[in-house]
N, C-alpha and C. Protein backbone atom coordinates (compact mmCIF):
# COMPACT_ATOMS: atom_id res chain seq x y z
N MET A 1 183.53 97.05 -50.13
CA MET A 1 183.52 98.45 -49.73
C MET A 1 183.73 98.53 -48.22
N LYS A 2 184.71 99.31 -47.82
CA LYS A 2 184.97 99.50 -46.40
C LYS A 2 183.93 100.48 -45.86
N MET A 3 183.25 100.07 -44.80
CA MET A 3 182.20 100.90 -44.23
C MET A 3 182.80 101.88 -43.22
N THR A 4 182.38 103.10 -43.31
CA THR A 4 182.73 104.13 -42.33
C THR A 4 181.42 104.68 -41.77
N ALA A 5 181.52 105.45 -40.71
CA ALA A 5 180.31 106.04 -40.12
C ALA A 5 179.63 106.98 -41.11
N ALA A 6 180.40 107.77 -41.82
CA ALA A 6 179.82 108.70 -42.80
C ALA A 6 179.13 107.95 -43.94
N LYS A 7 179.74 106.85 -44.40
CA LYS A 7 179.10 106.05 -45.46
C LYS A 7 177.83 105.41 -44.95
N ALA A 8 177.85 104.94 -43.70
CA ALA A 8 176.66 104.32 -43.11
C ALA A 8 175.51 105.34 -43.05
N ILE A 9 175.83 106.57 -42.70
CA ILE A 9 174.80 107.62 -42.66
C ILE A 9 174.25 107.88 -44.06
N ARG A 10 175.14 107.98 -45.05
CA ARG A 10 174.68 108.22 -46.42
C ARG A 10 173.76 107.09 -46.91
N LEU A 11 174.14 105.85 -46.62
CA LEU A 11 173.32 104.71 -47.04
C LEU A 11 171.97 104.70 -46.32
N GLU A 12 171.98 104.99 -45.03
CA GLU A 12 170.71 105.03 -44.28
C GLU A 12 169.80 106.13 -44.81
N CYS A 13 170.36 107.29 -45.12
CA CYS A 13 169.57 108.39 -45.67
C CYS A 13 168.98 108.00 -47.03
N LYS A 14 169.79 107.32 -47.83
CA LYS A 14 169.33 106.89 -49.16
C LYS A 14 168.12 105.97 -49.04
N TRP A 15 168.16 105.02 -48.11
CA TRP A 15 167.07 104.06 -47.99
C TRP A 15 165.90 104.60 -47.20
N CYS A 16 166.14 105.58 -46.35
CA CYS A 16 165.04 106.17 -45.57
C CYS A 16 164.22 107.14 -46.42
N SER A 17 164.90 108.10 -47.02
CA SER A 17 164.18 109.16 -47.73
C SER A 17 164.24 109.03 -49.24
N GLY A 18 165.11 108.16 -49.73
CA GLY A 18 165.27 108.02 -51.17
C GLY A 18 166.08 109.16 -51.78
N ALA A 19 166.71 109.95 -50.93
CA ALA A 19 167.47 111.11 -51.42
C ALA A 19 168.80 111.19 -50.70
N VAL A 20 169.68 111.98 -51.25
CA VAL A 20 170.94 112.23 -50.56
C VAL A 20 170.65 113.15 -49.37
N GLN A 21 171.54 113.13 -48.40
CA GLN A 21 171.33 113.88 -47.17
C GLN A 21 171.09 115.36 -47.41
N SER A 22 171.78 115.94 -48.37
CA SER A 22 171.64 117.38 -48.62
C SER A 22 170.25 117.74 -49.16
N LYS A 23 169.55 116.78 -49.74
CA LYS A 23 168.21 117.05 -50.28
C LYS A 23 167.09 116.62 -49.34
N CYS A 24 167.46 116.01 -48.21
CA CYS A 24 166.46 115.59 -47.23
C CYS A 24 165.97 116.82 -46.47
N ASN A 25 164.68 116.92 -46.24
CA ASN A 25 164.13 118.09 -45.55
C ASN A 25 163.58 117.74 -44.17
N THR A 26 164.19 116.77 -43.51
CA THR A 26 163.72 116.36 -42.19
C THR A 26 163.92 117.46 -41.15
N LYS A 27 163.08 117.43 -40.16
CA LYS A 27 163.21 118.36 -39.04
C LYS A 27 163.46 117.61 -37.73
N ILE A 28 163.48 116.25 -37.79
CA ILE A 28 163.61 115.48 -36.55
C ILE A 28 164.75 114.47 -36.54
N CYS A 29 165.26 114.08 -37.68
CA CYS A 29 166.27 113.01 -37.72
C CYS A 29 167.63 113.50 -37.22
N GLN A 30 168.18 112.80 -36.24
CA GLN A 30 169.46 113.17 -35.64
C GLN A 30 170.63 112.99 -36.61
N LEU A 31 170.43 112.26 -37.69
CA LEU A 31 171.52 112.05 -38.65
C LEU A 31 171.76 113.29 -39.51
N HIS A 32 170.75 114.13 -39.64
CA HIS A 32 170.87 115.31 -40.50
C HIS A 32 171.67 116.39 -39.79
N PRO A 33 172.70 116.94 -40.43
CA PRO A 33 173.55 117.94 -39.78
C PRO A 33 172.81 119.20 -39.34
N SER A 34 171.73 119.58 -40.01
CA SER A 34 171.02 120.79 -39.62
C SER A 34 170.12 120.56 -38.41
N VAL A 35 169.83 119.30 -38.08
CA VAL A 35 169.00 118.99 -36.92
C VAL A 35 169.86 118.78 -35.68
N SER A 36 170.90 118.01 -35.82
CA SER A 36 171.76 117.68 -34.68
C SER A 36 172.88 118.71 -34.54
N GLU A 37 173.19 119.04 -33.30
CA GLU A 37 174.30 119.96 -33.03
C GLU A 37 175.64 119.22 -33.03
N LEU A 38 175.58 117.89 -33.06
CA LEU A 38 176.80 117.08 -33.02
C LEU A 38 177.49 117.10 -34.37
N ARG A 39 178.79 117.21 -34.37
CA ARG A 39 179.54 117.24 -35.63
C ARG A 39 180.04 115.86 -36.02
N SER A 40 180.37 115.05 -35.05
CA SER A 40 180.94 113.74 -35.32
C SER A 40 179.87 112.78 -35.87
N SER A 41 180.23 112.05 -36.91
CA SER A 41 179.28 111.09 -37.50
C SER A 41 178.86 110.03 -36.50
N VAL A 42 179.81 109.49 -35.73
CA VAL A 42 179.45 108.42 -34.79
C VAL A 42 178.58 108.96 -33.66
N LYS A 43 178.76 110.19 -33.25
CA LYS A 43 177.92 110.77 -32.20
C LYS A 43 176.50 111.03 -32.72
N ARG A 44 176.37 111.43 -33.98
CA ARG A 44 175.04 111.60 -34.56
C ARG A 44 174.34 110.26 -34.69
N ILE A 45 175.10 109.21 -35.04
CA ILE A 45 174.51 107.86 -35.14
C ILE A 45 174.04 107.42 -33.76
N LYS A 46 174.83 107.66 -32.72
CA LYS A 46 174.42 107.28 -31.37
C LYS A 46 173.11 107.98 -30.99
N ALA A 47 173.00 109.27 -31.26
CA ALA A 47 171.77 110.02 -30.95
C ALA A 47 170.59 109.44 -31.71
N HIS A 48 170.80 109.11 -32.98
CA HIS A 48 169.73 108.52 -33.80
C HIS A 48 169.31 107.16 -33.24
N CYS A 49 170.29 106.33 -32.88
CA CYS A 49 169.99 104.99 -32.36
C CYS A 49 169.26 105.05 -31.02
N LEU A 50 169.63 106.01 -30.18
CA LEU A 50 168.93 106.16 -28.90
C LEU A 50 167.46 106.52 -29.12
N ASP A 51 167.19 107.35 -30.13
CA ASP A 51 165.80 107.69 -30.46
C ASP A 51 165.07 106.51 -31.07
N CYS A 52 165.72 105.79 -31.94
CA CYS A 52 165.09 104.68 -32.67
C CYS A 52 164.82 103.48 -31.76
N ALA A 53 165.78 103.11 -30.93
CA ALA A 53 165.69 101.87 -30.16
C ALA A 53 164.66 101.93 -29.04
N ALA A 54 164.48 103.05 -28.39
CA ALA A 54 163.63 103.12 -27.22
C ALA A 54 162.24 103.67 -27.54
N GLN A 55 161.61 103.15 -28.56
CA GLN A 55 160.32 103.70 -28.93
C GLN A 55 159.17 103.15 -28.08
N ASP A 56 159.04 101.84 -27.96
CA ASP A 56 157.88 101.31 -27.23
C ASP A 56 158.19 100.10 -26.37
N ILE A 57 159.41 99.83 -26.04
CA ILE A 57 159.70 98.55 -25.40
C ILE A 57 159.95 98.63 -23.90
N GLY A 58 159.79 99.80 -23.30
CA GLY A 58 159.87 99.92 -21.86
C GLY A 58 161.27 99.90 -21.27
N GLU A 59 162.29 99.99 -22.08
CA GLU A 59 163.66 100.06 -21.58
C GLU A 59 164.13 101.51 -21.63
N THR A 60 165.20 101.81 -20.89
CA THR A 60 165.80 103.13 -21.06
C THR A 60 166.42 103.18 -22.45
N LYS A 61 166.72 104.37 -22.91
CA LYS A 61 167.29 104.50 -24.25
C LYS A 61 168.61 103.76 -24.39
N SER A 62 169.48 103.88 -23.38
CA SER A 62 170.79 103.23 -23.49
C SER A 62 170.66 101.72 -23.41
N GLU A 63 169.74 101.19 -22.60
CA GLU A 63 169.52 99.74 -22.54
C GLU A 63 168.99 99.23 -23.88
N ALA A 64 168.07 99.98 -24.46
CA ALA A 64 167.48 99.58 -25.74
C ALA A 64 168.52 99.58 -26.85
N ALA A 65 169.39 100.59 -26.88
CA ALA A 65 170.43 100.63 -27.91
C ALA A 65 171.42 99.49 -27.72
N ALA A 66 171.74 99.16 -26.46
CA ALA A 66 172.67 98.07 -26.20
C ALA A 66 172.10 96.72 -26.60
N SER A 67 170.79 96.54 -26.44
CA SER A 67 170.18 95.25 -26.78
C SER A 67 169.74 95.17 -28.24
N CYS A 68 169.88 96.26 -28.97
CA CYS A 68 169.48 96.28 -30.39
C CYS A 68 170.34 95.32 -31.20
N LYS A 69 169.70 94.55 -32.06
CA LYS A 69 170.42 93.63 -32.94
C LYS A 69 170.59 94.21 -34.34
N GLY A 70 169.97 95.35 -34.60
CA GLY A 70 170.07 95.97 -35.91
C GLY A 70 169.13 95.39 -36.94
N ASP A 71 168.22 94.51 -36.51
CA ASP A 71 167.29 93.88 -37.43
C ASP A 71 166.20 94.86 -37.83
N LEU A 72 166.07 95.10 -39.12
CA LEU A 72 165.08 96.05 -39.62
C LEU A 72 163.85 95.33 -40.14
N LEU A 73 162.72 95.99 -40.04
CA LEU A 73 161.49 95.44 -40.60
C LEU A 73 161.22 96.01 -41.99
N ARG A 74 162.09 96.88 -42.45
CA ARG A 74 161.98 97.44 -43.79
C ARG A 74 163.23 97.07 -44.58
N GLU A 75 163.14 97.15 -45.87
CA GLU A 75 164.29 96.83 -46.72
C GLU A 75 165.24 98.01 -46.76
N ASN A 76 166.54 97.71 -46.75
CA ASN A 76 167.52 98.79 -46.87
C ASN A 76 168.64 98.47 -47.84
N GLY A 77 168.61 97.32 -48.48
CA GLY A 77 169.62 97.00 -49.48
C GLY A 77 170.93 96.50 -48.91
N ASN A 78 171.03 96.29 -47.61
CA ASN A 78 172.26 95.80 -47.00
C ASN A 78 172.48 94.35 -47.39
N THR A 79 173.72 93.98 -47.66
CA THR A 79 174.04 92.59 -48.01
C THR A 79 174.08 91.71 -46.77
N VAL A 80 174.20 92.32 -45.59
CA VAL A 80 174.13 91.55 -44.34
C VAL A 80 172.66 91.35 -44.05
N ARG A 81 172.23 90.09 -43.91
CA ARG A 81 170.81 89.77 -43.84
C ARG A 81 170.45 89.02 -42.57
N TRP A 82 169.17 88.96 -42.26
CA TRP A 82 168.61 88.12 -41.20
C TRP A 82 167.25 87.64 -41.67
N VAL A 83 166.76 86.56 -41.10
CA VAL A 83 165.46 86.00 -41.49
C VAL A 83 164.52 86.11 -40.29
N ASP A 84 163.36 86.73 -40.50
CA ASP A 84 162.42 86.90 -39.40
C ASP A 84 161.61 85.63 -39.17
N GLY A 85 160.70 85.66 -38.21
CA GLY A 85 159.90 84.49 -37.85
C GLY A 85 159.01 83.98 -38.97
N ASP A 86 158.67 84.83 -39.92
CA ASP A 86 157.83 84.42 -41.04
C ASP A 86 158.65 83.93 -42.23
N GLY A 87 159.97 83.85 -42.04
CA GLY A 87 160.85 83.39 -43.11
C GLY A 87 161.19 84.45 -44.14
N ILE A 88 160.95 85.70 -43.82
CA ILE A 88 161.24 86.80 -44.75
C ILE A 88 162.68 87.27 -44.53
N ASP A 89 163.42 87.36 -45.63
CA ASP A 89 164.81 87.80 -45.62
C ASP A 89 164.85 89.33 -45.54
N ARG A 90 165.51 89.88 -44.51
CA ARG A 90 165.53 91.32 -44.30
C ARG A 90 166.96 91.81 -44.09
N GLY A 91 167.15 93.11 -44.24
CA GLY A 91 168.47 93.71 -44.07
C GLY A 91 168.75 94.11 -42.63
N VAL A 92 170.03 94.26 -42.33
CA VAL A 92 170.49 94.75 -41.03
C VAL A 92 170.83 96.23 -41.18
N CYS A 93 170.56 97.00 -40.15
CA CYS A 93 170.78 98.45 -40.19
C CYS A 93 172.25 98.77 -40.45
N PHE A 94 172.50 99.70 -41.36
CA PHE A 94 173.87 100.14 -41.67
C PHE A 94 174.53 100.80 -40.46
N LEU A 95 173.73 101.42 -39.60
CA LEU A 95 174.25 102.19 -38.48
C LEU A 95 174.60 101.34 -37.26
N HIS A 96 174.16 100.09 -37.25
CA HIS A 96 174.27 99.24 -36.06
C HIS A 96 175.67 99.17 -35.44
N PRO A 97 176.74 99.01 -36.18
CA PRO A 97 178.06 98.92 -35.53
C PRO A 97 178.48 100.19 -34.79
N TYR A 98 177.86 101.32 -35.11
CA TYR A 98 178.26 102.61 -34.53
C TYR A 98 177.29 103.10 -33.46
N ARG A 99 176.35 102.26 -33.01
CA ARG A 99 175.26 102.70 -32.14
C ARG A 99 175.70 103.21 -30.77
N PHE A 100 176.92 102.88 -30.33
CA PHE A 100 177.40 103.36 -29.04
C PHE A 100 178.20 104.66 -29.15
N GLY A 101 178.27 105.23 -30.35
CA GLY A 101 179.01 106.48 -30.54
C GLY A 101 180.50 106.27 -30.66
N LYS A 102 180.91 105.05 -30.97
CA LYS A 102 182.32 104.70 -31.13
C LYS A 102 182.51 104.02 -32.48
N ASN A 103 183.69 104.16 -33.04
CA ASN A 103 184.01 103.48 -34.28
C ASN A 103 184.66 102.14 -33.95
N PRO A 104 183.99 101.02 -34.23
CA PRO A 104 184.53 99.71 -33.84
C PRO A 104 185.78 99.30 -34.63
N THR A 105 186.03 99.95 -35.75
CA THR A 105 187.20 99.58 -36.55
C THR A 105 188.40 100.48 -36.29
N ARG A 106 188.23 101.46 -35.43
CA ARG A 106 189.33 102.38 -35.13
C ARG A 106 190.38 101.67 -34.28
N LYS A 107 191.61 101.79 -34.72
CA LYS A 107 192.71 101.15 -33.99
C LYS A 107 193.12 102.01 -32.81
N PRO A 108 193.52 101.38 -31.71
CA PRO A 108 193.99 102.18 -30.57
C PRO A 108 195.30 102.89 -30.92
N PRO A 109 195.58 103.99 -30.25
CA PRO A 109 196.82 104.71 -30.54
C PRO A 109 198.05 103.90 -30.13
N LYS A 110 199.13 104.16 -30.79
CA LYS A 110 200.39 103.47 -30.46
C LYS A 110 200.93 104.01 -29.14
N PRO A 111 201.59 103.16 -28.37
CA PRO A 111 202.14 103.61 -27.08
C PRO A 111 203.06 104.82 -27.21
N GLU A 112 203.82 104.90 -28.31
CA GLU A 112 204.72 106.05 -28.49
C GLU A 112 203.93 107.36 -28.55
N HIS A 113 202.78 107.32 -29.22
CA HIS A 113 201.95 108.51 -29.34
C HIS A 113 201.39 108.91 -27.96
N ILE A 114 200.97 107.93 -27.20
CA ILE A 114 200.44 108.21 -25.86
C ILE A 114 201.55 108.79 -24.98
N GLN A 115 202.76 108.24 -25.09
CA GLN A 115 203.87 108.74 -24.29
C GLN A 115 204.16 110.21 -24.62
N LYS A 116 204.08 110.58 -25.89
CA LYS A 116 204.29 111.97 -26.29
C LYS A 116 203.22 112.88 -25.68
N LEU A 117 201.98 112.41 -25.67
CA LEU A 117 200.90 113.20 -25.09
C LEU A 117 201.09 113.37 -23.59
N VAL A 118 201.46 112.28 -22.91
CA VAL A 118 201.67 112.33 -21.46
C VAL A 118 202.85 113.25 -21.14
N ALA A 119 203.92 113.13 -21.92
CA ALA A 119 205.10 113.97 -21.69
C ALA A 119 204.79 115.44 -21.90
N ALA A 120 203.88 115.73 -22.80
CA ALA A 120 203.50 117.12 -23.07
C ALA A 120 202.47 117.63 -22.07
N GLY A 121 202.07 116.78 -21.13
CA GLY A 121 201.10 117.19 -20.11
C GLY A 121 199.67 117.20 -20.59
N LYS A 122 199.39 116.54 -21.70
CA LYS A 122 198.04 116.49 -22.25
C LYS A 122 197.23 115.42 -21.52
N GLU A 123 195.94 115.66 -21.41
CA GLU A 123 195.03 114.67 -20.83
C GLU A 123 194.79 113.57 -21.85
N THR A 124 194.84 112.32 -21.39
CA THR A 124 194.53 111.20 -22.28
C THR A 124 193.45 110.37 -21.63
N THR A 125 192.61 109.80 -22.47
CA THR A 125 191.53 108.95 -21.96
C THR A 125 191.75 107.50 -22.35
N PHE A 126 192.91 107.20 -22.88
CA PHE A 126 193.18 105.84 -23.32
C PHE A 126 193.58 104.97 -22.14
N ARG A 127 193.15 103.72 -22.16
CA ARG A 127 193.46 102.80 -21.06
C ARG A 127 194.93 102.58 -20.87
N THR A 128 195.70 102.67 -21.93
CA THR A 128 197.13 102.40 -21.82
C THR A 128 197.91 103.61 -21.31
N ALA A 129 197.26 104.75 -21.14
CA ALA A 129 197.97 105.95 -20.70
C ALA A 129 198.54 105.79 -19.30
N ALA A 130 197.88 105.05 -18.43
CA ALA A 130 198.36 104.86 -17.06
C ALA A 130 199.69 104.11 -17.07
N ARG A 131 199.85 103.18 -17.99
CA ARG A 131 201.10 102.42 -18.07
C ARG A 131 202.25 103.30 -18.56
N CYS A 132 201.95 104.32 -19.34
CA CYS A 132 202.98 105.18 -19.90
C CYS A 132 203.52 106.19 -18.87
N LYS A 133 202.79 106.42 -17.79
CA LYS A 133 203.22 107.40 -16.78
C LYS A 133 204.31 106.86 -15.87
N LYS A 134 204.51 105.57 -15.85
CA LYS A 134 205.48 104.95 -14.96
C LYS A 134 206.90 105.35 -15.30
């Protein structure tokens, strides 16, 4: 199964509340669309991870999210596993690859597409856009 940010959210909701997202009645979880003002799945995951990672470890939220390994102390059914110090086999968080608010599997745009945007006078934030202006 190819993982997407939306699928990762659905799986996390299933293991957290035991229900689908539409039946969850949370008032605090950033993954729930009625709680978060963010529309993008990866941006909601980033907000959730910032809240989750910086709970008691004395780091800033962004430092804590960056140092997070995704190791959970609860079961979540993920096939990606890790073994804790007591030898207990545990799951890795489904949301972990998206914790920075970016999709790690998203391919960069083709240079032709960037050239069209630059020619049309559109703002681009891609690293290769500077090369296309020459």
